[in-house]
Amino acid sequence: HNDALKVAVAGGVTTICFIPGSGTNMGGWGALM
């Protein structure tokens, strides 16, 4: 519920696929939250 997510909720977004960036070919493992 950080500042970006507080506004996300106001837009109706309740779930995100939170992933590493695309600076490399395999950025790593992300969370569904």
Full PDB file with SEQRES, HELIX, SHEET, SSBOND, CRYST1, ORIGX, SCALE, CONECT and MASTER records, all heavy atoms in Angstrom:
SEQRES   1 A   33  HIS ASN ASP ALA LEU LYS VAL ALA VAL ALA GLY GLY VAL          
SEQRES   2 A   33  THR THR ILE CYS PHE ILE PRO GLY SER GLY THR ASN MET          
SEQRES   3 A   33  GLY GLY TRP GLY ALA LEU MET                                  
HELIX    1 AA1 ASP A    3  ALA A   10  1                                   8    
SHEET    1 AA1 2 CYS A  17  PHE A  18  0                                        
SHEET    2 AA1 2 ALA A  31  LEU A  32 -1                                        
CRYST1    1.000    1.000    1.000  90.00  90.00  90.00 P 1           1          
ORIGX1      1.000000  0.000000  0.000000        0.00000                         
ORIGX2      0.000000  1.000000  0.000000        0.00000                         
ORIGX3      0.000000  0.000000  1.000000        0.00000                         
SCALE1      1.000000  0.000000  0.000000        0.00000                         
SCALE2      0.000000  1.000000  0.000000        0.00000                         
SCALE3      0.000000  0.000000  1.000000        0.00000                         
ATOM      1  N   HIS A   1       0.829  -1.212   0.000  1.00  0.00           N  
ATOM      2  CA  HIS A   1       0.000   0.000   0.000  1.00  0.00           C  
ATOM      3  C   HIS A   1       0.865   1.264   0.000  1.00  0.00           C  
ATOM      4  O   HIS A   1       0.561   2.245   0.709  1.00  0.00           O  
ATOM      5  CB  HIS A   1      -0.936  -0.019   1.202  1.00  0.00           C  
ATOM      6  CG  HIS A   1      -2.243   0.690   0.965  1.00  0.00           C  
ATOM      7  ND1 HIS A   1      -3.025   0.492  -0.149  1.00  0.00           N  
ATOM      8  CD2 HIS A   1      -2.909   1.612   1.728  1.00  0.00           C  
ATOM      9  CE1 HIS A   1      -4.100   1.251  -0.069  1.00  0.00           C  
ATOM     10  NE2 HIS A   1      -4.056   1.943   1.039  1.00  0.00           N  
ATOM     11  N   ASN A   2       1.945   1.235  -0.795  1.00  0.00           N  
ATOM     12  CA  ASN A   2       2.789   2.423  -0.911  1.00  0.00           C  
ATOM     13  C   ASN A   2       2.024   3.521  -1.649  1.00  0.00           C  
ATOM     14  O   ASN A   2       0.884   3.337  -2.072  1.00  0.00           O  
ATOM     15  CB  ASN A   2       4.112   2.078  -1.596  1.00  0.00           C  
ATOM     16  CG  ASN A   2       3.926   1.523  -3.009  1.00  0.00           C  
ATOM     17  OD1 ASN A   2       3.334   2.162  -3.874  1.00  0.00           O  
ATOM     18  ND2 ASN A   2       4.422   0.315  -3.235  1.00  0.00           N  
ATOM     19  N   ASP A   3       2.655   4.655  -1.829  1.00  0.00           N  
ATOM     20  CA  ASP A   3       1.944   5.813  -2.393  1.00  0.00           C  
ATOM     21  C   ASP A   3       1.376   5.523  -3.783  1.00  0.00           C  
ATOM     22  O   ASP A   3       0.269   5.959  -4.123  1.00  0.00           O  
ATOM     23  CB  ASP A   3       2.874   7.029  -2.456  1.00  0.00           C  
ATOM     24  CG  ASP A   3       3.147   7.615  -1.083  1.00  0.00           C  
ATOM     25  OD1 ASP A   3       2.409   7.277  -0.143  1.00  0.00           O  
ATOM     26  OD2 ASP A   3       4.104   8.403  -0.951  1.00  0.00           O  
ATOM     27  N   ALA A   4       2.146   4.774  -4.609  1.00  0.00           N  
ATOM     28  CA  ALA A   4       1.652   4.437  -5.949  1.00  0.00           C  
ATOM     29  C   ALA A   4       0.458   3.498  -5.866  1.00  0.00           C  
ATOM     30  O   ALA A   4      -0.490   3.607  -6.653  1.00  0.00           O  
ATOM     31  CB  ALA A   4       2.764   3.811  -6.782  1.00  0.00           C  
ATOM     32  N   LEU A   5       0.481   2.577  -4.914  1.00  0.00           N  
ATOM     33  CA  LEU A   5      -0.607   1.610  -4.796  1.00  0.00           C  
ATOM     34  C   LEU A   5      -1.860   2.231  -4.181  1.00  0.00           C  
ATOM     35  O   LEU A   5      -2.978   1.796  -4.484  1.00  0.00           O  
ATOM     36  CB  LEU A   5      -0.153   0.398  -3.978  1.00  0.00           C  
ATOM     37  CG  LEU A   5       0.999  -0.406  -4.587  1.00  0.00           C  
ATOM     38  CD1 LEU A   5       1.301  -1.633  -3.729  1.00  0.00           C  
ATOM     39  CD2 LEU A   5       0.682  -0.839  -6.020  1.00  0.00           C  
ATOM     40  N   LYS A   6      -1.693   3.229  -3.354  1.00  0.00           N  
ATOM     41  CA  LYS A   6      -2.868   3.911  -2.802  1.00  0.00           C  
ATOM     42  C   LYS A   6      -3.693   4.562  -3.911  1.00  0.00           C  
ATOM     43  O   LYS A   6      -4.923   4.556  -3.868  1.00  0.00           O  
ATOM     44  CB  LYS A   6      -2.438   4.958  -1.782  1.00  0.00           C  
ATOM     45  CG  LYS A   6      -1.928   4.377  -0.474  1.00  0.00           C  
ATOM     46  CD  LYS A   6      -1.458   5.471   0.469  1.00  0.00           C  
ATOM     47  CE  LYS A   6      -0.910   4.863   1.761  1.00  0.00           C  
ATOM     48  NZ  LYS A   6      -0.374   5.914   2.668  1.00  0.00           N  
ATOM     49  N   VAL A   7      -3.008   5.117  -4.903  1.00  0.00           N  
ATOM     50  CA  VAL A   7      -3.728   5.703  -6.031  1.00  0.00           C  
ATOM     51  C   VAL A   7      -4.227   4.604  -6.962  1.00  0.00           C  
ATOM     52  O   VAL A   7      -5.302   4.719  -7.563  1.00  0.00           O  
ATOM     53  CB  VAL A   7      -2.840   6.708  -6.781  1.00  0.00           C  
ATOM     54  CG1 VAL A   7      -3.659   7.462  -7.822  1.00  0.00           C  
ATOM     55  CG2 VAL A   7      -2.207   7.695  -5.816  1.00  0.00           C  
ATOM     56  N   ALA A   8      -3.463   3.509  -7.084  1.00  0.00           N  
ATOM     57  CA  ALA A   8      -3.898   2.380  -7.902  1.00  0.00           C  
ATOM     58  C   ALA A   8      -5.245   1.850  -7.430  1.00  0.00           C  
ATOM     59  O   ALA A   8      -6.140   1.566  -8.236  1.00  0.00           O  
ATOM     60  CB  ALA A   8      -2.854   1.268  -7.860  1.00  0.00           C  
ATOM     61  N   VAL A   9      -5.398   1.740  -6.120  1.00  0.00           N  
ATOM     62  CA  VAL A   9      -6.656   1.271  -5.549  1.00  0.00           C  
ATOM     63  C   VAL A   9      -7.799   2.201  -5.948  1.00  0.00           C  
ATOM     64  O   VAL A   9      -8.908   1.750  -6.264  1.00  0.00           O  
ATOM     65  CB  VAL A   9      -6.531   1.161  -4.014  1.00  0.00           C  
ATOM     66  CG1 VAL A   9      -7.896   0.999  -3.368  1.00  0.00           C  
ATOM     67  CG2 VAL A   9      -5.630  -0.001  -3.628  1.00  0.00           C  
ATOM     68  N   ALA A  10      -7.535   3.504  -5.980  1.00  0.00           N  
ATOM     69  CA  ALA A  10      -8.569   4.466  -6.366  1.00  0.00           C  
ATOM     70  C   ALA A  10      -8.975   4.309  -7.822  1.00  0.00           C  
ATOM     71  O   ALA A  10     -10.052   4.762  -8.222  1.00  0.00           O  
ATOM     72  CB  ALA A  10      -8.085   5.889  -6.104  1.00  0.00           C  
ATOM     73  N   GLY A  11      -8.125   3.675  -8.623  1.00  0.00           N  
ATOM     74  CA  GLY A  11      -8.474   3.347 -10.002  1.00  0.00           C  
ATOM     75  C   GLY A  11      -9.087   1.973 -10.145  1.00  0.00           C  
ATOM     76  O   GLY A  11      -9.351   1.531 -11.274  1.00  0.00           O  
ATOM     77  N   GLY A  12      -9.306   1.279  -9.027  1.00  0.00           N  
ATOM     78  CA  GLY A  12      -9.944  -0.033  -9.054  1.00  0.00           C  
ATOM     79  C   GLY A  12      -8.988  -1.202  -9.175  1.00  0.00           C  
ATOM     80  O   GLY A  12      -9.432  -2.344  -9.284  1.00  0.00           O  
ATOM     81  N   VAL A  13      -7.670  -0.954  -9.147  1.00  0.00           N  
ATOM     82  CA  VAL A  13      -6.688  -2.030  -9.288  1.00  0.00           C  
ATOM     83  C   VAL A  13      -6.464  -2.678  -7.922  1.00  0.00           C  
ATOM     84  O   VAL A  13      -6.020  -2.014  -6.982  1.00  0.00           O  
ATOM     85  CB  VAL A  13      -5.356  -1.510  -9.855  1.00  0.00           C  
ATOM     86  CG1 VAL A  13      -4.356  -2.655 -10.016  1.00  0.00           C  
ATOM     87  CG2 VAL A  13      -5.576  -0.795 -11.180  1.00  0.00           C  
ATOM     88  N   THR A  14      -6.745  -3.970  -7.826  1.00  0.00           N  
ATOM     89  CA  THR A  14      -6.606  -4.671  -6.548  1.00  0.00           C  
ATOM     90  C   THR A  14      -5.512  -5.726  -6.551  1.00  0.00           C  
ATOM     91  O   THR A  14      -5.087  -6.173  -5.491  1.00  0.00           O  
ATOM     92  CB  THR A  14      -7.932  -5.349  -6.154  1.00  0.00           C  
ATOM     93  OG1 THR A  14      -8.337  -6.242  -7.192  1.00  0.00           O  
ATOM     94  CG2 THR A  14      -9.023  -4.309  -5.927  1.00  0.00           C  
ATOM     95  N   THR A  15      -5.037  -6.129  -7.736  1.00  0.00           N  
ATOM     96  CA  THR A  15      -3.970  -7.132  -7.843  1.00  0.00           C  
ATOM     97  C   THR A  15      -3.005  -6.711  -8.936  1.00  0.00           C  
ATOM     98  O   THR A  15      -3.435  -6.256 -10.001  1.00  0.00           O  
ATOM     99  CB  THR A  15      -4.541  -8.521  -8.184  1.00  0.00           C  
ATOM    100  OG1 THR A  15      -5.414  -8.957  -7.133  1.00  0.00           O  
ATOM    101  CG2 THR A  15      -3.426  -9.551  -8.350  1.00  0.00           C  
ATOM    102  N   ILE A  16      -1.705  -6.884  -8.664  1.00  0.00           N  
ATOM    103  CA  ILE A  16      -0.708  -6.610  -9.693  1.00  0.00           C  
ATOM    104  C   ILE A  16       0.285  -7.758  -9.776  1.00  0.00           C  
ATOM    105  O   ILE A  16       0.516  -8.476  -8.792  1.00  0.00           O  
ATOM    106  CB  ILE A  16       0.058  -5.290  -9.455  1.00  0.00           C  
ATOM    107  CG1 ILE A  16       0.827  -5.324  -8.128  1.00  0.00           C  
ATOM    108  CG2 ILE A  16      -0.888  -4.104  -9.516  1.00  0.00           C  
ATOM    109  CD1 ILE A  16       1.778  -4.134  -7.935  1.00  0.00           C  
ATOM    110  N   CYS A  17       0.854  -7.919 -10.953  1.00  0.00           N  
ATOM    111  CA  CYS A  17       1.999  -8.792 -11.165  1.00  0.00           C  
ATOM    112  C   CYS A  17       3.228  -7.899 -11.037  1.00  0.00           C  
ATOM    113  O   CYS A  17       3.565  -7.156 -11.957  1.00  0.00           O  
ATOM    114  CB  CYS A  17       1.923  -9.452 -12.535  1.00  0.00           C  
ATOM    115  SG  CYS A  17       3.351 -10.470 -12.950  1.00  0.00           S  
ATOM    116  N   PHE A  18       3.858  -7.962  -9.880  1.00  0.00           N  
ATOM    117  CA  PHE A  18       4.994  -7.103  -9.553  1.00  0.00           C  
ATOM    118  C   PHE A  18       6.276  -7.812  -9.975  1.00  0.00           C  
ATOM    119  O   PHE A  18       6.640  -8.840  -9.403  1.00  0.00           O  
ATOM    120  CB  PHE A  18       4.990  -6.801  -8.054  1.00  0.00           C  
ATOM    121  CG  PHE A  18       6.171  -6.011  -7.568  1.00  0.00           C  
ATOM    122  CD1 PHE A  18       6.654  -4.922  -8.275  1.00  0.00           C  
ATOM    123  CD2 PHE A  18       6.793  -6.359  -6.368  1.00  0.00           C  
ATOM    124  CE1 PHE A  18       7.737  -4.198  -7.817  1.00  0.00           C  
ATOM    125  CE2 PHE A  18       7.875  -5.635  -5.896  1.00  0.00           C  
ATOM    126  CZ  PHE A  18       8.358  -4.557  -6.621  1.00  0.00           C  
ATOM    127  N   ILE A  19       6.956  -7.268 -10.992  1.00  0.00           N  
ATOM    128  CA  ILE A  19       8.071  -7.983 -11.611  1.00  0.00           C  
ATOM    129  C   ILE A  19       9.332  -7.124 -11.661  1.00  0.00           C  
ATOM    130  O   ILE A  19       9.263  -5.902 -11.626  1.00  0.00           O  
ATOM    131  CB  ILE A  19       7.715  -8.437 -13.044  1.00  0.00           C  
ATOM    132  CG1 ILE A  19       7.117  -7.290 -13.858  1.00  0.00           C  
ATOM    133  CG2 ILE A  19       6.802  -9.652 -13.014  1.00  0.00           C  
ATOM    134  CD1 ILE A  19       6.752  -7.669 -15.286  1.00  0.00           C  
ATOM    135  N   PRO A  20      10.507  -7.804 -11.751  1.00  0.00           N  
ATOM    136  CA  PRO A  20      11.742  -7.057 -11.979  1.00  0.00           C  
ATOM    137  C   PRO A  20      11.713  -6.346 -13.322  1.00  0.00           C  
ATOM    138  O   PRO A  20      10.881  -6.648 -14.186  1.00  0.00           O  
ATOM    139  CB  PRO A  20      12.821  -8.147 -11.958  1.00  0.00           C  
ATOM    140  CG  PRO A  20      12.206  -9.296 -11.227  1.00  0.00           C  
ATOM    141  CD  PRO A  20      10.747  -9.237 -11.553  1.00  0.00           C  
ATOM    142  N   GLY A  21      12.650  -5.424 -13.510  1.00  0.00           N  
ATOM    143  CA  GLY A  21      12.716  -4.665 -14.746  1.00  0.00           C  
ATOM    144  C   GLY A  21      13.246  -5.473 -15.909  1.00  0.00           C  
ATOM    145  O   GLY A  21      13.604  -6.650 -15.771  1.00  0.00           O  
ATOM    146  N   SER A  22      13.306  -4.836 -17.055  1.00  0.00           N  
ATOM    147  CA  SER A  22      13.701  -5.515 -18.292  1.00  0.00           C  
ATOM    148  C   SER A  22      15.085  -5.078 -18.757  1.00  0.00           C  
ATOM    149  O   SER A  22      15.380  -5.077 -19.949  1.00  0.00           O  
ATOM    150  CB  SER A  22      12.664  -5.254 -19.382  1.00  0.00           C  
ATOM    151  OG  SER A  22      12.428  -3.870 -19.521  1.00  0.00           O  
ATOM    152  N   GLY A  23      15.953  -4.716 -17.811  1.00  0.00           N  
ATOM    153  CA  GLY A  23      17.296  -4.320 -18.175  1.00  0.00           C  
ATOM    154  C   GLY A  23      18.151  -5.481 -18.638  1.00  0.00           C  
ATOM    155  O   GLY A  23      19.170  -5.272 -19.299  1.00  0.00           O  
ATOM    156  N   THR A  24      17.742  -6.706 -18.275  1.00  0.00           N  
ATOM    157  CA  THR A  24      18.481  -7.899 -18.690  1.00  0.00           C  
ATOM    158  C   THR A  24      17.511  -8.906 -19.288  1.00  0.00           C  
ATOM    159  O   THR A  24      16.295  -8.780 -19.165  1.00  0.00           O  
ATOM    160  CB  THR A  24      19.211  -8.544 -17.500  1.00  0.00           C  
ATOM    161  OG1 THR A  24      18.253  -8.906 -16.499  1.00  0.00           O  
ATOM    162  CG2 THR A  24      20.214  -7.581 -16.896  1.00  0.00           C  
ATOM    163  N   ASN A  25      18.074  -9.944 -19.921  1.00  0.00           N  
ATOM    164  CA  ASN A  25      17.227 -10.926 -20.597  1.00  0.00           C  
ATOM    165  C   ASN A  25      16.373 -11.733 -19.630  1.00  0.00           C  
ATOM    166  O   ASN A  25      15.247 -12.101 -19.958  1.00  0.00           O  
ATOM    167  CB  ASN A  25      18.083 -11.894 -21.415  1.00  0.00           C  
ATOM    168  CG  ASN A  25      18.900 -11.203 -22.484  1.00  0.00           C  
ATOM    169  OD1 ASN A  25      20.052 -11.536 -22.711  1.00  0.00           O  
ATOM    170  ND2 ASN A  25      18.304 -10.216 -23.144  1.00  0.00           N  
ATOM    171  N   MET A  26      16.905 -12.048 -18.464  1.00  0.00           N  
ATOM    172  CA  MET A  26      16.138 -12.751 -17.434  1.00  0.00           C  
ATOM    173  C   MET A  26      16.313 -11.969 -16.149  1.00  0.00           C  
ATOM    174  O   MET A  26      17.324 -12.075 -15.460  1.00  0.00           O  
ATOM    175  CB  MET A  26      16.621 -14.196 -17.266  1.00  0.00           C  
ATOM    176  CG  MET A  26      15.787 -15.029 -16.312  1.00  0.00           C  
ATOM    177  SD  MET A  26      16.409 -16.735 -16.127  1.00  0.00           S  
ATOM    178  CE  MET A  26      16.083 -17.395 -17.760  1.00  0.00           C  
ATOM    179  N   GLY A  27      15.306 -11.156 -15.833  1.00  0.00           N  
ATOM    180  CA  GLY A  27      15.435 -10.226 -14.726  1.00  0.00           C  
ATOM    181  C   GLY A  27      15.277 -10.853 -13.361  1.00  0.00           C  
ATOM    182  O   GLY A  27      15.719 -10.294 -12.366  1.00  0.00           O  
ATOM    183  N   GLY A  28      14.617 -12.011 -13.272  1.00  0.00           N  
ATOM    184  CA  GLY A  28      14.398 -12.665 -11.997  1.00  0.00           C  
ATOM    185  C   GLY A  28      12.931 -12.988 -11.784  1.00  0.00           C  
ATOM    186  O   GLY A  28      12.130 -12.977 -12.713  1.00  0.00           O  
ATOM    187  N   TRP A  29      12.583 -13.238 -10.536  1.00  0.00           N  
ATOM    188  CA  TRP A  29      11.274 -13.769 -10.163  1.00  0.00           C  
ATOM    189  C   TRP A  29      10.416 -12.684  -9.544  1.00  0.00           C  
ATOM    190  O   TRP A  29      10.889 -11.906  -8.710  1.00  0.00           O  
ATOM    191  CB  TRP A  29      11.439 -14.938  -9.204  1.00  0.00           C  
ATOM    192  CG  TRP A  29      12.363 -15.970  -9.757  1.00  0.00           C  
ATOM    193  CD1 TRP A  29      13.717 -16.019  -9.624  1.00  0.00           C  
ATOM    194  CD2 TRP A  29      11.998 -17.079 -10.588  1.00  0.00           C  
ATOM    195  NE1 TRP A  29      14.217 -17.100 -10.315  1.00  0.00           N  
ATOM    196  CE2 TRP A  29      13.192 -17.767 -10.913  1.00  0.00           C  
ATOM    197  CE3 TRP A  29      10.785 -17.562 -11.082  1.00  0.00           C  
ATOM    198  CZ2 TRP A  29      13.203 -18.904 -11.718  1.00  0.00           C  
ATOM    199  CZ3 TRP A  29      10.794 -18.702 -11.881  1.00  0.00           C  
ATOM    200  CH2 TRP A  29      11.987 -19.356 -12.189  1.00  0.00           C  
ATOM    201  N   GLY A  30       9.159 -12.625  -9.960  1.00  0.00           N  
ATOM    202  CA  GLY A  30       8.241 -11.621  -9.458  1.00  0.00           C  
ATOM    203  C   GLY A  30       7.154 -12.228  -8.594  1.00  0.00           C  
ATOM    204  O   GLY A  30       6.978 -13.458  -8.543  1.00  0.00           O  
ATOM    205  N   ALA A  31       6.402 -11.364  -7.938  1.00  0.00           N  
ATOM    206  CA  ALA A  31       5.335 -11.779  -7.026  1.00  0.00           C  
ATOM    207  C   ALA A  31       3.985 -11.298  -7.545  1.00  0.00           C  
ATOM    208  O   ALA A  31       3.873 -10.239  -8.164  1.00  0.00           O  
ATOM    209  CB  ALA A  31       5.584 -11.212  -5.636  1.00  0.00           C  
ATOM    210  N   LEU A  32       2.959 -12.067  -7.267  1.00  0.00           N  
ATOM    211  CA  LEU A  32       1.578 -11.666  -7.500  1.00  0.00           C  
ATOM    212  C   LEU A  32       1.031 -11.180  -6.171  1.00  0.00           C  
ATOM    213  O   LEU A  32       1.067 -11.910  -5.175  1.00  0.00           O  
ATOM    214  CB  LEU A  32       0.770 -12.841  -8.041  1.00  0.00           C  
ATOM    215  CG  LEU A  32       1.356 -13.466  -9.308  1.00  0.00           C  
ATOM    216  CD1 LEU A  32       0.603 -14.726  -9.694  1.00  0.00           C  
ATOM    217  CD2 LEU A  32       1.364 -12.480 -10.454  1.00  0.00           C  
ATOM    218  N   MET A  33       0.546  -9.940  -6.139  1.00  0.00           N  
ATOM    219  CA  MET A  33       0.244  -9.313  -4.853  1.00  0.00           C  
ATOM    220  C   MET A  33      -0.982  -8.418  -4.931  1.00  0.00           C  
ATOM    221  O   MET A  33      -1.360  -7.940  -6.005  1.00  0.00           O  
ATOM    222  CB  MET A  33       1.443  -8.484  -4.384  1.00  0.00           C  
ATOM    223  CG  MET A  33       1.844  -7.365  -5.333  1.00  0.00           C  
ATOM    224  SD  MET A  33       3.199  -6.318  -4.707  1.00  0.00           S  
ATOM    225  CE  MET A  33       2.335  -5.369  -3.446  1.00  0.00           C  
TER     226      MET A  33                                                      
MASTER        0    0    0    1    2    0    0    6  225    1    0    3          
END                                                                             
